Amino acid sequence: SPVQGGSKESAKKRFASYVRLRLGSERAPSPEPPPRLSRGESPLALRRNLVDQASPS
């Protein structure tokens, strides 16, 4: 029905503006570092443990 199509269009537009907003905010410098970087210590420690296990003690 035309009503469904209209709501679908507005949803698409809303999604597009949301994506544009997200991309714009991500490009701007954020006050706090992304969680990816703050969690960077975890993989490092994990790798160290694997190396310790691999090397004969």
Protein backbone atom coordinates (compact mmCIF):
# COMPACT_ATOMS: atom_id res chain seq x y z
CA SER A 1 0.00 0.00 0.00
CA PRO A 2 1.16 3.62 -0.59
CA VAL A 3 1.13 4.29 3.15
CA GLN A 4 3.67 1.51 3.74
CA GLY A 5 5.87 2.79 0.93
CA GLY A 6 5.79 6.30 2.38
CA SER A 7 6.79 5.14 5.85
CA LYS A 8 9.54 3.01 4.34
CA GLU A 9 10.88 6.07 2.49
CA SER A 10 10.90 8.22 5.63
CA ALA A 11 12.62 5.41 7.53
CA LYS A 12 15.27 5.22 4.81
CA LYS A 13 15.78 8.98 5.01
CA ARG A 14 15.95 8.82 8.80
CA PHE A 15 18.54 6.04 8.58
CA ALA A 16 20.59 8.01 6.04
CA SER A 17 20.63 11.11 8.26
CA TYR A 18 21.53 8.93 11.26
CA VAL A 19 24.47 7.39 9.39
CA ARG A 20 25.59 10.83 8.24
CA LEU A 21 25.41 12.08 11.84
CA ARG A 22 27.39 9.08 13.11
CA LEU A 23 30.09 9.52 10.45
CA GLY A 24 30.32 13.25 11.19
CA SER A 25 30.64 12.71 14.96
CA GLU A 26 33.25 9.97 14.45
CA ARG A 27 35.32 12.27 12.25
CA ALA A 28 35.28 14.93 14.97
CA PRO A 29 37.90 14.55 17.75
CA SER A 30 36.34 12.73 20.69
CA PRO A 31 37.21 13.77 24.29
CA GLU A 32 37.73 10.18 25.44
CA PRO A 33 39.69 7.49 23.50
CA PRO A 34 37.68 4.77 21.74
CA PRO A 35 37.18 1.57 23.78
CA ARG A 36 39.24 -0.31 21.17
CA LEU A 37 42.44 1.50 22.23
CA SER A 38 41.78 1.31 25.97
CA ARG A 39 41.28 -2.48 25.63
CA GLY A 40 44.55 -2.75 23.66
CA GLU A 41 46.38 -3.98 26.76
CA SER A 42 44.27 -7.15 26.94
CA PRO A 43 45.41 -8.72 23.61
CA LEU A 44 49.00 -7.83 24.47
CA ALA A 45 48.85 -9.67 27.79
CA LEU A 46 47.14 -12.60 26.08
CA ARG A 47 49.92 -12.79 23.48
CA ARG A 48 52.56 -12.69 26.24
CA ASN A 49 50.87 -15.63 27.97
CA LEU A 50 50.80 -17.61 24.72
CA VAL A 51 54.51 -16.90 24.17
CA ASP A 52 55.31 -18.00 27.72
CA GLN A 53 53.40 -21.25 27.17
CA ALA A 54 55.10 -21.90 23.83
CA SER A 55 58.63 -21.31 25.17
CA PRO A 56 60.00 -24.15 27.36
CA SER A 57 60.28 -23.03 30.99
